[in-house]
């Protein structure tokens, strides 16, 4: 999910299908409940690289952009809304109100691990070339780059309390998640 509908979005290939599907369902006249998931917090280790503790560097072309990442498990919990009444013809943006940047992630991992971790934001082209030298498959390179550019453009930072209300608690923070991963 992104916070803007833009023709030139870096993740238009993904978002356009979501928007079209929602519009078709609305136009059909059937009752609906849309759960609009933010980017998955669980995917963060894949985006920053499995070797981040060894390399000490996070490289993504996201500049200082922030993302409202959420755990897939909490999205699944929130989906229980689909089994109850009173949610017909509603859309729920399921986001974490504690948006983070890759610089924030580097600082958190450094704090958690005790290692020096830095964040560098190369151009998308530089990032793609570097990933290619490490043998990362082209489809992953495209995915990483697209999401980072969308983040740099401010498309992934959103604010909405729907997830918190549906869970009955605040969603897991990036720090809580990263502490489990990098202790």
N, C-alpha and C. Protein backbone atom coordinates (compact mmCIF):
# COMPACT_ATOMS: atom_id res chain seq x y z
N UNK A 1 0.84 -1.18 0.00
CA UNK A 1 0.00 0.00 0.00
C UNK A 1 0.88 1.24 0.00
N UNK A 2 0.47 2.24 -0.72
CA UNK A 2 1.19 3.51 -0.70
C UNK A 2 0.21 4.61 -0.35
N UNK A 3 0.75 5.75 0.05
CA UNK A 3 -0.12 6.83 0.49
C UNK A 3 -0.53 7.78 -0.61
N UNK A 4 -0.12 7.50 -1.83
CA UNK A 4 -0.46 8.38 -2.94
C UNK A 4 -0.77 7.55 -4.17
N UNK A 5 -1.70 8.01 -4.96
CA UNK A 5 -1.92 7.38 -6.26
C UNK A 5 -1.19 8.24 -7.28
N UNK A 6 -0.10 7.69 -7.82
CA UNK A 6 0.72 8.44 -8.76
C UNK A 6 1.01 7.58 -9.97
N UNK A 7 0.90 8.18 -11.12
CA UNK A 7 1.20 7.46 -12.35
C UNK A 7 2.67 7.08 -12.44
N UNK A 8 3.54 7.87 -11.85
CA UNK A 8 4.97 7.62 -11.95
C UNK A 8 5.55 6.94 -10.72
N UNK A 9 4.72 6.26 -9.95
CA UNK A 9 5.20 5.58 -8.75
C UNK A 9 6.17 4.47 -9.12
N UNK A 10 7.19 4.32 -8.29
CA UNK A 10 8.17 3.25 -8.50
C UNK A 10 7.55 1.87 -8.28
N UNK A 11 6.45 1.81 -7.55
CA UNK A 11 5.79 0.52 -7.30
C UNK A 11 4.41 0.47 -7.95
N UNK A 12 4.23 1.23 -9.00
CA UNK A 12 2.95 1.24 -9.72
C UNK A 12 2.60 -0.15 -10.23
N UNK A 13 3.61 -0.94 -10.61
CA UNK A 13 3.36 -2.29 -11.12
C UNK A 13 2.59 -3.13 -10.10
N UNK A 14 2.77 -2.86 -8.83
CA UNK A 14 2.09 -3.60 -7.78
C UNK A 14 0.80 -2.90 -7.36
N UNK A 15 0.90 -1.62 -7.11
CA UNK A 15 -0.23 -0.88 -6.59
C UNK A 15 -1.37 -0.73 -7.57
N UNK A 16 -1.06 -0.60 -8.84
CA UNK A 16 -2.12 -0.43 -9.82
C UNK A 16 -3.09 -1.61 -9.83
N UNK A 17 -2.57 -2.81 -9.68
CA UNK A 17 -3.45 -3.98 -9.65
C UNK A 17 -4.35 -3.95 -8.42
N UNK A 18 -3.82 -3.48 -7.29
CA UNK A 18 -4.63 -3.36 -6.08
C UNK A 18 -5.75 -2.34 -6.28
N UNK A 19 -5.38 -1.18 -6.82
CA UNK A 19 -6.37 -0.12 -7.02
C UNK A 19 -7.45 -0.54 -8.02
N UNK A 20 -7.03 -1.18 -9.11
CA UNK A 20 -8.02 -1.63 -10.10
C UNK A 20 -8.97 -2.66 -9.51
N UNK A 21 -8.42 -3.60 -8.73
CA UNK A 21 -9.26 -4.63 -8.12
C UNK A 21 -10.27 -4.00 -7.17
N UNK A 22 -9.81 -3.07 -6.34
CA UNK A 22 -10.73 -2.40 -5.42
C UNK A 22 -11.82 -1.66 -6.18
N UNK A 23 -11.45 -0.98 -7.25
CA UNK A 23 -12.45 -0.24 -8.04
C UNK A 23 -13.45 -1.18 -8.70
N UNK A 24 -12.99 -2.31 -9.24
CA UNK A 24 -13.90 -3.28 -9.85
C UNK A 24 -14.88 -3.83 -8.82
N UNK A 25 -14.38 -4.12 -7.64
CA UNK A 25 -15.27 -4.64 -6.59
C UNK A 25 -16.30 -3.59 -6.20
N UNK A 26 -15.87 -2.35 -6.02
CA UNK A 26 -16.82 -1.28 -5.68
C UNK A 26 -17.87 -1.12 -6.77
N UNK A 27 -17.42 -1.11 -8.03
CA UNK A 27 -18.34 -0.94 -9.15
C UNK A 27 -19.32 -2.10 -9.28
N UNK A 28 -18.95 -3.28 -8.81
CA UNK A 28 -19.82 -4.46 -8.92
C UNK A 28 -21.03 -4.36 -8.00
N UNK A 29 -20.90 -3.56 -6.95
CA UNK A 29 -22.01 -3.42 -6.01
C UNK A 29 -22.02 -4.44 -4.89
N UNK A 30 -21.10 -5.39 -4.88
CA UNK A 30 -21.06 -6.36 -3.79
C UNK A 30 -20.43 -5.71 -2.55
N UNK A 31 -20.78 -6.24 -1.39
CA UNK A 31 -20.21 -5.73 -0.15
C UNK A 31 -18.73 -6.11 -0.10
N UNK A 32 -17.95 -5.25 0.48
CA UNK A 32 -16.51 -5.49 0.55
C UNK A 32 -15.95 -4.98 1.87
N UNK A 33 -14.80 -5.48 2.23
CA UNK A 33 -13.95 -4.94 3.29
C UNK A 33 -12.53 -5.06 2.76
N UNK A 34 -11.87 -3.92 2.56
CA UNK A 34 -10.52 -3.94 2.03
C UNK A 34 -9.51 -3.81 3.17
N UNK A 35 -8.55 -4.70 3.18
CA UNK A 35 -7.43 -4.63 4.11
C UNK A 35 -6.22 -4.23 3.28
N UNK A 36 -5.78 -3.00 3.47
CA UNK A 36 -4.71 -2.43 2.65
C UNK A 36 -3.39 -2.50 3.43
N UNK A 37 -2.65 -3.56 3.19
CA UNK A 37 -1.44 -3.84 3.94
C UNK A 37 -0.27 -2.95 3.54
N UNK A 38 0.45 -2.46 4.54
CA UNK A 38 1.71 -1.75 4.31
C UNK A 38 2.79 -2.77 3.99
N UNK A 39 3.97 -2.30 3.69
CA UNK A 39 5.13 -3.17 3.43
C UNK A 39 5.42 -3.98 4.69
N UNK A 40 5.88 -5.19 4.50
CA UNK A 40 6.08 -6.12 5.61
C UNK A 40 7.38 -5.87 6.36
N UNK A 41 7.26 -5.69 7.66
CA UNK A 41 8.41 -5.52 8.54
C UNK A 41 9.29 -6.77 8.51
N UNK A 42 8.69 -7.93 8.37
CA UNK A 42 9.42 -9.20 8.34
C UNK A 42 10.40 -9.28 7.16
N UNK A 43 10.16 -8.47 6.14
CA UNK A 43 11.01 -8.48 4.94
C UNK A 43 12.24 -7.59 5.10
N UNK A 44 12.30 -6.82 6.16
CA UNK A 44 13.40 -5.87 6.34
C UNK A 44 14.78 -6.54 6.29
N UNK A 45 15.00 -7.69 6.96
CA UNK A 45 16.32 -8.33 6.85
C UNK A 45 16.70 -8.67 5.40
N UNK A 46 15.74 -9.02 4.58
CA UNK A 46 16.03 -9.31 3.18
C UNK A 46 16.43 -8.02 2.44
N UNK A 47 15.75 -6.92 2.74
CA UNK A 47 16.06 -5.65 2.09
C UNK A 47 17.43 -5.11 2.51
N UNK A 48 17.81 -5.32 3.77
CA UNK A 48 19.09 -4.76 4.23
C UNK A 48 20.26 -5.70 4.00
N UNK A 49 19.97 -6.95 3.71
CA UNK A 49 21.04 -7.91 3.41
C UNK A 49 21.34 -8.82 4.58
N UNK A 50 21.49 -10.09 4.26
CA UNK A 50 21.74 -11.10 5.29
C UNK A 50 23.09 -10.92 5.99
N UNK A 51 24.01 -10.23 5.35
CA UNK A 51 25.36 -10.07 5.88
C UNK A 51 25.58 -8.72 6.55
N UNK A 52 24.54 -8.03 6.95
CA UNK A 52 24.67 -6.67 7.46
C UNK A 52 25.58 -6.61 8.69
N UNK A 53 25.57 -7.61 9.54
CA UNK A 53 26.43 -7.59 10.72
C UNK A 53 27.90 -7.76 10.33
N UNK A 54 28.15 -8.46 9.24
CA UNK A 54 29.52 -8.66 8.77
C UNK A 54 30.01 -7.45 7.96
N UNK A 55 29.17 -6.93 7.09
CA UNK A 55 29.59 -5.81 6.23
C UNK A 55 29.53 -4.47 6.95
N UNK A 56 28.59 -4.34 7.89
CA UNK A 56 28.42 -3.08 8.61
C UNK A 56 27.77 -2.00 7.79
N UNK A 57 27.17 -2.37 6.64
CA UNK A 57 26.60 -1.37 5.74
C UNK A 57 25.21 -1.81 5.26
N UNK A 58 24.30 -0.87 5.29
CA UNK A 58 22.99 -1.03 4.65
C UNK A 58 23.02 -0.11 3.44
N UNK A 59 22.76 -0.67 2.26
CA UNK A 59 22.76 0.12 1.02
C UNK A 59 21.42 -0.05 0.31
N UNK A 60 20.64 1.00 0.30
CA UNK A 60 19.39 1.04 -0.44
C UNK A 60 19.20 2.47 -0.95
N UNK A 61 18.69 2.64 -2.15
CA UNK A 61 18.49 3.99 -2.69
C UNK A 61 17.21 4.65 -2.19
N UNK A 62 17.02 4.63 -0.87
CA UNK A 62 15.80 5.16 -0.27
C UNK A 62 15.99 6.56 0.31
N UNK A 63 17.19 7.11 0.14
CA UNK A 63 17.49 8.44 0.68
C UNK A 63 17.09 8.50 2.15
N UNK A 64 16.36 9.53 2.56
CA UNK A 64 15.92 9.64 3.95
C UNK A 64 14.44 9.28 4.10
N UNK A 65 13.89 8.61 3.10
CA UNK A 65 12.48 8.24 3.13
C UNK A 65 12.18 7.28 4.28
N UNK A 66 10.93 7.30 4.68
CA UNK A 66 10.49 6.45 5.80
C UNK A 66 9.40 5.51 5.31
N UNK A 67 9.26 4.39 6.02
CA UNK A 67 8.26 3.40 5.67
C UNK A 67 7.52 2.96 6.92
N UNK A 68 6.23 2.74 6.80
CA UNK A 68 5.35 2.35 7.91
C UNK A 68 5.19 0.83 7.93
N UNK A 69 6.26 0.13 8.22
CA UNK A 69 6.33 -1.33 8.12
C UNK A 69 5.50 -2.04 9.20
N UNK A 70 4.90 -3.19 8.82
CA UNK A 70 4.08 -3.96 9.75
C UNK A 70 4.41 -5.46 9.62
N UNK A 71 4.23 -6.17 10.73
CA UNK A 71 4.44 -7.62 10.73
C UNK A 71 3.29 -8.33 10.04
N UNK A 72 3.62 -9.32 9.24
CA UNK A 72 2.57 -10.10 8.56
C UNK A 72 1.68 -10.82 9.58
N UNK A 73 2.25 -11.27 10.68
CA UNK A 73 1.45 -11.94 11.70
C UNK A 73 0.36 -11.01 12.24
N UNK A 74 0.70 -9.74 12.42
CA UNK A 74 -0.29 -8.79 12.92
C UNK A 74 -1.33 -8.45 11.86
N UNK A 75 -0.92 -8.47 10.61
CA UNK A 75 -1.89 -8.28 9.53
C UNK A 75 -2.89 -9.45 9.51
N UNK A 76 -2.38 -10.64 9.74
CA UNK A 76 -3.26 -11.82 9.79
C UNK A 76 -4.22 -11.72 10.98
N UNK A 77 -3.73 -11.25 12.11
CA UNK A 77 -4.60 -11.06 13.27
C UNK A 77 -5.70 -10.06 12.97
N UNK A 78 -5.34 -8.98 12.31
CA UNK A 78 -6.32 -7.93 11.99
C UNK A 78 -7.36 -8.44 11.00
N UNK A 79 -6.99 -9.42 10.19
CA UNK A 79 -7.93 -9.96 9.20
C UNK A 79 -9.12 -10.65 9.85
N UNK A 80 -9.08 -10.87 11.14
CA UNK A 80 -10.24 -11.42 11.85
C UNK A 80 -11.46 -10.53 11.69
N UNK A 81 -11.24 -9.26 11.35
CA UNK A 81 -12.33 -8.33 11.11
C UNK A 81 -13.27 -8.86 10.03
N UNK A 82 -12.73 -9.67 9.14
CA UNK A 82 -13.53 -10.20 8.03
C UNK A 82 -14.59 -11.20 8.50
N UNK A 83 -14.48 -11.67 9.73
CA UNK A 83 -15.45 -12.64 10.26
C UNK A 83 -16.50 -12.00 11.15
N UNK A 84 -16.46 -10.67 11.23
CA UNK A 84 -17.43 -10.00 12.10
C UNK A 84 -18.26 -9.00 11.31
N UNK A 85 -19.33 -8.57 11.93
CA UNK A 85 -20.27 -7.63 11.29
C UNK A 85 -19.80 -6.19 11.47
N UNK A 86 -20.32 -5.32 10.65
CA UNK A 86 -20.10 -3.89 10.80
C UNK A 86 -18.92 -3.34 10.02
N UNK A 87 -18.38 -4.13 9.13
CA UNK A 87 -17.21 -3.67 8.37
C UNK A 87 -17.48 -3.63 6.87
N UNK A 88 -18.75 -3.75 6.49
CA UNK A 88 -19.10 -3.77 5.09
C UNK A 88 -18.79 -2.42 4.45
N UNK A 89 -18.22 -2.50 3.25
CA UNK A 89 -17.91 -1.33 2.45
C UNK A 89 -16.95 -0.36 3.14
N UNK A 90 -15.99 -0.93 3.84
CA UNK A 90 -14.95 -0.14 4.50
C UNK A 90 -13.58 -0.59 4.02
N UNK A 91 -12.66 0.35 4.08
CA UNK A 91 -11.26 0.06 3.76
C UNK A 91 -10.42 0.39 4.98
N UNK A 92 -9.52 -0.51 5.32
CA UNK A 92 -8.65 -0.33 6.47
C UNK A 92 -7.19 -0.27 6.03
N UNK A 93 -6.58 0.92 6.07
CA UNK A 93 -5.14 1.00 5.81
C UNK A 93 -4.41 0.42 7.02
N UNK A 94 -3.71 -0.68 6.83
CA UNK A 94 -3.05 -1.37 7.94
C UNK A 94 -1.57 -1.02 7.93
N UNK A 95 -1.24 0.01 8.71
CA UNK A 95 0.12 0.55 8.73
C UNK A 95 0.58 0.70 10.18
N UNK A 96 1.87 0.86 10.34
CA UNK A 96 2.47 1.14 11.64
C UNK A 96 2.74 2.63 11.69
N UNK A 97 2.26 3.30 12.70
CA UNK A 97 2.45 4.75 12.79
C UNK A 97 3.86 5.15 13.17
N UNK A 98 4.73 4.19 13.45
CA UNK A 98 6.13 4.49 13.72
C UNK A 98 6.95 4.18 12.47
N UNK A 99 6.86 5.08 11.51
CA UNK A 99 7.60 4.91 10.25
C UNK A 99 9.10 5.07 10.52
N UNK A 100 9.89 4.30 9.76
CA UNK A 100 11.34 4.34 9.97
C UNK A 100 12.07 4.49 8.64
N UNK A 101 13.27 5.01 8.73
CA UNK A 101 14.16 5.14 7.57
C UNK A 101 15.23 4.06 7.69
N UNK A 102 15.98 3.87 6.63
CA UNK A 102 17.10 2.92 6.71
C UNK A 102 18.19 3.44 7.64
N UNK A 103 18.32 4.74 7.77
CA UNK A 103 19.27 5.28 8.75
C UNK A 103 18.84 4.88 10.15
N UNK A 104 17.53 4.97 10.44
CA UNK A 104 17.00 4.52 11.73
C UNK A 104 17.31 3.05 11.95
N UNK A 105 17.11 2.25 10.90
CA UNK A 105 17.37 0.81 11.00
C UNK A 105 18.84 0.55 11.31
N UNK A 106 19.74 1.27 10.64
CA UNK A 106 21.17 1.11 10.90
C UNK A 106 21.49 1.43 12.36
N UNK A 107 20.93 2.53 12.85
CA UNK A 107 21.17 2.91 14.25
C UNK A 107 20.62 1.87 15.22
N UNK A 108 19.44 1.34 14.93
CA UNK A 108 18.84 0.32 15.81
C UNK A 108 19.68 -0.95 15.82
N UNK A 109 20.10 -1.42 14.66
CA UNK A 109 20.90 -2.64 14.60
C UNK A 109 22.24 -2.43 15.29
N UNK A 110 22.83 -1.25 15.14
CA UNK A 110 24.09 -0.95 15.83
C UNK A 110 23.89 -1.00 17.34
N UNK A 111 22.80 -0.41 17.81
CA UNK A 111 22.49 -0.41 19.24
C UNK A 111 22.26 -1.83 19.75
N UNK A 112 21.53 -2.61 19.00
CA UNK A 112 21.20 -3.98 19.41
C UNK A 112 22.42 -4.90 19.38
N UNK A 113 23.20 -4.79 18.31
CA UNK A 113 24.31 -5.73 18.10
C UNK A 113 25.63 -5.28 18.70
N UNK A 114 25.74 -3.98 18.98
CA UNK A 114 27.02 -3.45 19.46
C UNK A 114 28.05 -3.28 18.35
N UNK A 115 27.61 -3.44 17.10
CA UNK A 115 28.50 -3.29 15.95
C UNK A 115 28.24 -1.97 15.25
N UNK A 116 29.23 -1.48 14.54
CA UNK A 116 29.09 -0.24 13.78
C UNK A 116 28.35 -0.55 12.47
N UNK A 117 27.16 -0.01 12.34
CA UNK A 117 26.35 -0.21 11.13
C UNK A 117 26.04 1.17 10.56
N UNK A 118 26.29 1.35 9.28
CA UNK A 118 26.00 2.63 8.64
C UNK A 118 25.04 2.42 7.48
N UNK A 119 24.40 3.50 7.09
CA UNK A 119 23.48 3.47 5.96
C UNK A 119 24.01 4.37 4.85
N UNK A 120 24.02 3.84 3.64
CA UNK A 120 24.42 4.60 2.46
C UNK A 120 23.28 4.52 1.44
N UNK A 121 22.99 5.64 0.83
CA UNK A 121 21.93 5.70 -0.17
C UNK A 121 22.53 6.02 -1.54
N UNK A 122 22.92 4.98 -2.28
CA UNK A 122 23.45 5.21 -3.62
C UNK A 122 22.31 5.55 -4.58
N UNK A 123 22.66 5.91 -5.79
CA UNK A 123 21.62 6.10 -6.80
C UNK A 123 21.00 4.73 -7.09
N UNK A 124 19.80 4.71 -7.63
CA UNK A 124 19.21 3.41 -7.99
C UNK A 124 20.11 2.61 -8.93
N UNK A 125 20.75 3.28 -9.86
CA UNK A 125 21.61 2.58 -10.83
C UNK A 125 22.83 1.98 -10.13
N UNK A 126 23.44 2.74 -9.22
CA UNK A 126 24.59 2.22 -8.47
C UNK A 126 24.18 1.02 -7.61
N UNK A 127 23.04 1.14 -6.98
CA UNK A 127 22.54 0.06 -6.13
C UNK A 127 22.32 -1.21 -6.95
N UNK A 128 21.69 -1.06 -8.10
CA UNK A 128 21.43 -2.22 -8.96
C UNK A 128 22.73 -2.87 -9.42
N UNK A 129 23.71 -2.06 -9.80
CA UNK A 129 25.00 -2.60 -10.27
C UNK A 129 25.70 -3.36 -9.14
N UNK A 130 25.66 -2.81 -7.94
CA UNK A 130 26.29 -3.48 -6.79
C UNK A 130 25.62 -4.81 -6.50
N UNK A 131 24.29 -4.82 -6.47
CA UNK A 131 23.56 -6.07 -6.21
C UNK A 131 23.87 -7.11 -7.28
N UNK A 132 24.00 -6.67 -8.51
CA UNK A 132 24.31 -7.57 -9.62
C UNK A 132 25.66 -8.25 -9.39
N UNK A 133 26.65 -7.51 -8.88
CA UNK A 133 27.98 -8.10 -8.65
C UNK A 133 27.94 -9.18 -7.57
N UNK A 134 26.93 -9.12 -6.69
CA UNK A 134 26.79 -10.13 -5.64
C UNK A 134 25.90 -11.29 -6.08
N UNK A 135 25.48 -11.28 -7.33
CA UNK A 135 24.69 -12.38 -7.86
C UNK A 135 23.23 -12.38 -7.46
N UNK A 136 22.72 -11.23 -7.04
CA UNK A 136 21.31 -11.13 -6.68
C UNK A 136 20.49 -11.23 -7.97
N UNK A 137 19.45 -12.08 -7.98
CA UNK A 137 18.63 -12.22 -9.18
C UNK A 137 17.99 -10.88 -9.60
N UNK A 138 17.86 -10.70 -10.91
CA UNK A 138 17.32 -9.46 -11.46
C UNK A 138 15.95 -9.09 -10.88
N UNK A 139 15.07 -10.09 -10.70
CA UNK A 139 13.74 -9.77 -10.18
C UNK A 139 13.81 -9.23 -8.75
N UNK A 140 14.77 -9.71 -7.96
CA UNK A 140 14.94 -9.17 -6.61
C UNK A 140 15.53 -7.77 -6.66
N UNK A 141 16.48 -7.57 -7.56
CA UNK A 141 17.09 -6.24 -7.72
C UNK A 141 16.00 -5.23 -8.07
N UNK A 142 15.13 -5.58 -9.00
CA UNK A 142 14.04 -4.68 -9.38
C UNK A 142 13.10 -4.40 -8.22
N UNK A 143 12.79 -5.42 -7.45
CA UNK A 143 11.89 -5.27 -6.30
C UNK A 143 12.52 -4.36 -5.24
N UNK A 144 13.78 -4.65 -4.88
CA UNK A 144 14.46 -3.83 -3.87
C UNK A 144 14.52 -2.37 -4.31
N UNK A 145 14.91 -2.16 -5.55
CA UNK A 145 15.05 -0.80 -6.06
C UNK A 145 13.71 -0.08 -6.09
N UNK A 146 12.68 -0.74 -6.58
CA UNK A 146 11.36 -0.11 -6.68
C UNK A 146 10.84 0.34 -5.32
N UNK A 147 10.93 -0.54 -4.33
CA UNK A 147 10.44 -0.18 -3.00
C UNK A 147 11.29 0.92 -2.37
N UNK A 148 12.60 0.88 -2.59
CA UNK A 148 13.46 1.94 -2.03
C UNK A 148 13.17 3.29 -2.67
N UNK A 149 12.98 3.32 -3.98
CA UNK A 149 12.68 4.57 -4.66
C UNK A 149 11.31 5.09 -4.20
N UNK A 150 10.34 4.21 -4.04
CA UNK A 150 9.03 4.62 -3.53
C UNK A 150 9.18 5.21 -2.12
N UNK A 151 10.02 4.58 -1.31
CA UNK A 151 10.27 5.09 0.04
C UNK A 151 10.93 6.47 -0.03
N UNK A 152 11.91 6.62 -0.89
CA UNK A 152 12.59 7.91 -1.06
C UNK A 152 11.59 9.00 -1.48
N UNK A 153 10.60 8.62 -2.27
CA UNK A 153 9.59 9.57 -2.76
C UNK A 153 8.48 9.84 -1.75
N UNK A 154 8.56 9.22 -0.57
CA UNK A 154 7.55 9.46 0.47
C UNK A 154 6.28 8.66 0.31
N UNK A 155 6.29 7.66 -0.55
CA UNK A 155 5.07 6.90 -0.82
C UNK A 155 4.75 5.85 0.23
N UNK A 156 5.71 5.47 1.06
CA UNK A 156 5.50 4.37 2.00
C UNK A 156 5.34 4.81 3.45
N UNK A 157 5.33 6.11 3.68
CA UNK A 157 5.11 6.62 5.03
C UNK A 157 3.65 7.03 5.15
N UNK A 158 2.94 6.32 6.02
CA UNK A 158 1.52 6.56 6.17
C UNK A 158 1.17 6.61 7.65
N UNK A 159 0.05 7.20 7.95
CA UNK A 159 -0.42 7.28 9.33
C UNK A 159 -1.90 6.94 9.35
N UNK A 160 -2.24 5.94 10.14
CA UNK A 160 -3.63 5.53 10.29
C UNK A 160 -3.68 4.61 11.51
N UNK A 161 -4.73 4.70 12.29
CA UNK A 161 -4.85 3.90 13.51
C UNK A 161 -5.67 2.62 13.34
N UNK A 162 -6.03 2.28 12.12
CA UNK A 162 -6.87 1.10 11.90
C UNK A 162 -6.25 -0.18 12.44
N UNK A 163 -4.97 -0.41 12.18
CA UNK A 163 -4.33 -1.65 12.65
C UNK A 163 -4.33 -1.71 14.16
N UNK A 164 -3.97 -0.62 14.80
CA UNK A 164 -3.96 -0.58 16.27
C UNK A 164 -5.36 -0.87 16.83
N UNK A 165 -6.38 -0.28 16.23
CA UNK A 165 -7.75 -0.52 16.70
C UNK A 165 -8.17 -1.97 16.50
N UNK A 166 -7.85 -2.54 15.34
CA UNK A 166 -8.24 -3.92 15.08
C UNK A 166 -7.49 -4.91 15.96
N UNK A 167 -6.23 -4.61 16.29
CA UNK A 167 -5.45 -5.48 17.16
C UNK A 167 -5.79 -5.29 18.63
N UNK A 168 -6.25 -4.09 18.98
CA UNK A 168 -6.50 -3.77 20.38
C UNK A 168 -5.20 -3.45 21.12
N UNK A 169 -4.14 -3.15 20.37
CA UNK A 169 -2.83 -2.80 20.94
C UNK A 169 -2.01 -2.13 19.84
N UNK A 170 -0.91 -1.54 20.23
CA UNK A 170 -0.01 -0.94 19.24
C UNK A 170 0.70 -2.05 18.47
N UNK A 171 0.93 -1.86 17.18
CA UNK A 171 1.67 -2.85 16.41
C UNK A 171 3.13 -2.93 16.88
N UNK A 172 3.76 -4.04 16.58
CA UNK A 172 5.17 -4.24 16.91
C UNK A 172 6.01 -3.16 16.24
N UNK A 173 6.93 -2.60 17.00
CA UNK A 173 7.82 -1.57 16.45
C UNK A 173 8.99 -2.24 15.74
N UNK A 174 9.67 -1.46 14.91
CA UNK A 174 10.87 -1.96 14.23
C UNK A 174 11.92 -2.37 15.26
N UNK A 175 12.06 -1.59 16.32
CA UNK A 175 13.05 -1.92 17.34
C UNK A 175 12.74 -3.27 17.99
N UNK A 176 11.48 -3.51 18.31
CA UNK A 176 11.10 -4.79 18.91
C UNK A 176 11.41 -5.95 17.96
N UNK A 177 11.08 -5.78 16.70
CA UNK A 177 11.33 -6.83 15.71
C UNK A 177 12.82 -7.05 15.50
N UNK A 178 13.56 -5.97 15.30
CA UNK A 178 15.00 -6.09 15.03
C UNK A 178 15.74 -6.67 16.23
N UNK A 179 15.26 -6.39 17.44
CA UNK A 179 15.89 -6.97 18.63
C UNK A 179 15.79 -8.49 18.61
N UNK A 180 14.67 -9.02 18.16
CA UNK A 180 14.51 -10.48 18.06
C UNK A 180 15.43 -11.07 16.98
N UNK A 181 15.67 -10.31 15.93
CA UNK A 181 16.46 -10.81 14.80
C UNK A 181 17.96 -10.70 15.05
N UNK A 182 18.41 -9.60 15.68
CA UNK A 182 19.84 -9.31 15.75
C UNK A 182 20.45 -9.37 17.15
N UNK A 183 19.82 -10.08 18.10
CA UNK A 183 20.46 -10.25 19.42
C UNK A 183 21.52 -11.32 19.39
